[in-house]
Amino acid sequence: MATEFNTKATFKKSARIVSDYENDMIFEQPRPGLIQQELVTYENTENGVKRTVTTRVFTTNGDYSDQTSISILQNTL
């Protein structure tokens, strides 16, 4: 049975912004002292468990870079 979710979020933290870029709704914007943030998601699929890791690394000049890696953890049962 599939359930439909309608999610609406409002962020009040000053380090967040409203953006069309999906990762900007998850991660903060650069601020002093912030080095890295990471989101790990596990999802059941037909081929096993899909593990998605999205990492945002902040630089000292106020910039950041995002990287996403996906791996499939095989079902062994």
C-alpha atoms as a PDB file:
ATOM      1  CA  MET A   1       0.000   0.000   0.000  1.00  0.00           C
ATOM      2  CA  ALA A   2       1.488   3.336  -1.053  1.00  0.00           C
ATOM      3  CA  THR A   3       0.984   6.393   1.091  1.00  0.00           C
ATOM      4  CA  GLU A   4       1.212   9.872  -0.368  1.00  0.00           C
ATOM      5  CA  PHE A   5       3.021  12.460   1.730  1.00  0.00           C
ATOM      6  CA  ASN A   6       2.524  16.186   1.401  1.00  0.00           C
ATOM      7  CA  THR A   7       5.325  17.901   3.267  1.00  0.00           C
ATOM      8  CA  LYS A   8       5.653  21.615   3.797  1.00  0.00           C
ATOM      9  CA  ALA A   9       8.568  23.113   5.694  1.00  0.00           C
ATOM     10  CA  THR A  10       9.526  26.573   6.800  1.00  0.00           C
ATOM     11  CA  PHE A  11      13.031  27.063   8.087  1.00  0.00           C
ATOM     12  CA  LYS A  12      13.626  29.930  10.479  1.00  0.00           C
ATOM     13  CA  LYS A  13      17.341  29.340  11.008  1.00  0.00           C
ATOM     14  CA  SER A  14      19.227  32.250   9.488  1.00  0.00           C
ATOM     15  CA  ALA A  15      21.850  30.001   7.881  1.00  0.00           C
ATOM     16  CA  ARG A  16      19.237  28.404   5.584  1.00  0.00           C
ATOM     17  CA  ILE A  17      17.913  29.829   2.347  1.00  0.00           C
ATOM     18  CA  VAL A  18      15.012  29.150   0.000  1.00  0.00           C
ATOM     19  CA  SER A  19      16.401  27.697  -3.213  1.00  0.00           C
ATOM     20  CA  ASP A  20      15.461  25.561  -6.202  1.00  0.00           C
ATOM     21  CA  TYR A  21      18.652  23.560  -5.558  1.00  0.00           C
ATOM     22  CA  GLU A  22      17.513  20.524  -3.535  1.00  0.00           C
ATOM     23  CA  ASN A  23      20.620  20.311  -1.330  1.00  0.00           C
ATOM     24  CA  ASP A  24      20.135  23.891  -0.115  1.00  0.00           C
ATOM     25  CA  MET A  25      16.919  22.765   1.601  1.00  0.00           C
ATOM     26  CA  ILE A  26      18.868  20.060   3.478  1.00  0.00           C
ATOM     27  CA  PHE A  27      22.171  21.705   4.331  1.00  0.00           C
ATOM     28  CA  GLU A  28      23.185  25.041   5.815  1.00  0.00           C
ATOM     29  CA  GLN A  29      24.952  27.826   3.986  1.00  0.00           C
ATOM     30  CA  PRO A  30      28.582  28.607   4.894  1.00  0.00           C
ATOM     31  CA  ARG A  31      29.179  30.137   8.322  1.00  0.00           C
ATOM     32  CA  PRO A  32      32.254  30.557  10.497  1.00  0.00           C
ATOM     33  CA  GLY A  33      33.447  27.275  11.985  1.00  0.00           C
ATOM     34  CA  LEU A  34      31.248  25.000   9.844  1.00  0.00           C
ATOM     35  CA  ILE A  35      33.409  22.322   8.181  1.00  0.00           C
ATOM     36  CA  GLN A  36      31.160  19.571   6.800  1.00  0.00           C
ATOM     37  CA  GLN A  37      27.622  18.152   6.868  1.00  0.00           C
ATOM     38  CA  GLU A  38      26.467  14.725   5.727  1.00  0.00           C
ATOM     39  CA  LEU A  39      23.101  13.079   5.057  1.00  0.00           C
ATOM     40  CA  VAL A  40      22.872   9.269   4.785  1.00  0.00           C
ATOM     41  CA  THR A  41      19.673   7.706   3.425  1.00  0.00           C
ATOM     42  CA  TYR A  42      18.772   3.995   3.232  1.00  0.00           C
ATOM     43  CA  GLU A  43      16.005   2.832   0.893  1.00  0.00           C
ATOM     44  CA  ASN A  44      14.657  -0.660   0.118  1.00  0.00           C
ATOM     45  CA  THR A  45      14.781  -1.540  -3.596  1.00  0.00           C
ATOM     46  CA  GLU A  46      14.304  -4.735  -5.640  1.00  0.00           C
ATOM     47  CA  ASN A  47      18.092  -5.217  -5.798  1.00  0.00           C
ATOM     48  CA  GLY A  48      18.814  -4.628  -2.117  1.00  0.00           C
ATOM     49  CA  VAL A  49      19.177  -1.598   0.119  1.00  0.00           C
ATOM     50  CA  LYS A  50      20.145   1.603  -1.665  1.00  0.00           C
ATOM     51  CA  ARG A  51      22.507   3.727   0.447  1.00  0.00           C
ATOM     52  CA  THR A  52      22.833   7.366  -0.617  1.00  0.00           C
ATOM     53  CA  VAL A  53      25.405   9.627   1.039  1.00  0.00           C
ATOM     54  CA  THR A  54      25.306  13.351   0.307  1.00  0.00           C
ATOM     55  CA  THR A  55      28.161  15.403   1.761  1.00  0.00           C
ATOM     56  CA  ARG A  56      28.612  19.175   1.783  1.00  0.00           C
ATOM     57  CA  VAL A  57      32.170  20.344   2.482  1.00  0.00           C
ATOM     58  CA  PHE A  58      32.687  24.011   3.382  1.00  0.00           C
ATOM     59  CA  THR A  59      35.812  25.945   2.452  1.00  0.00           C
ATOM     60  CA  THR A  60      37.502  28.732   4.384  1.00  0.00           C
ATOM     61  CA  ASN A  61      36.626  31.283   1.675  1.00  0.00           C
ATOM     62  CA  GLY A  62      32.855  30.902   2.243  1.00  0.00           C
ATOM     63  CA  ASP A  63      32.133  28.435  -0.556  1.00  0.00           C
ATOM     64  CA  TYR A  64      31.056  24.777  -0.498  1.00  0.00           C
ATOM     65  CA  SER A  65      30.952  21.692  -2.702  1.00  0.00           C
ATOM     66  CA  ASP A  66      28.383  18.885  -2.665  1.00  0.00           C
ATOM     67  CA  GLN A  67      29.050  15.249  -3.495  1.00  0.00           C
ATOM     68  CA  THR A  68      26.616  12.332  -3.655  1.00  0.00           C
ATOM     69  CA  SER A  69      27.517   8.650  -3.747  1.00  0.00           C
ATOM     70  CA  ILE A  70      25.125   5.740  -4.150  1.00  0.00           C
ATOM     71  CA  SER A  71      25.784   2.095  -3.340  1.00  0.00           C
ATOM     72  CA  ILE A  72      23.551  -0.979  -3.311  1.00  0.00           C
ATOM     73  CA  LEU A  73      23.854  -3.265  -0.288  1.00  0.00           C
ATOM     74  CA  GLN A  74      22.868  -6.685  -1.678  1.00  0.00           C
ATOM     75  CA  ASN A  75      20.177  -8.796  -0.046  1.00  0.00           C
ATOM     76  CA  THR A  76      21.900 -11.883   1.332  1.00  0.00           C
ATOM     77  CA  LEU A  77      18.906 -13.685   2.815  1.00  0.00           C
END
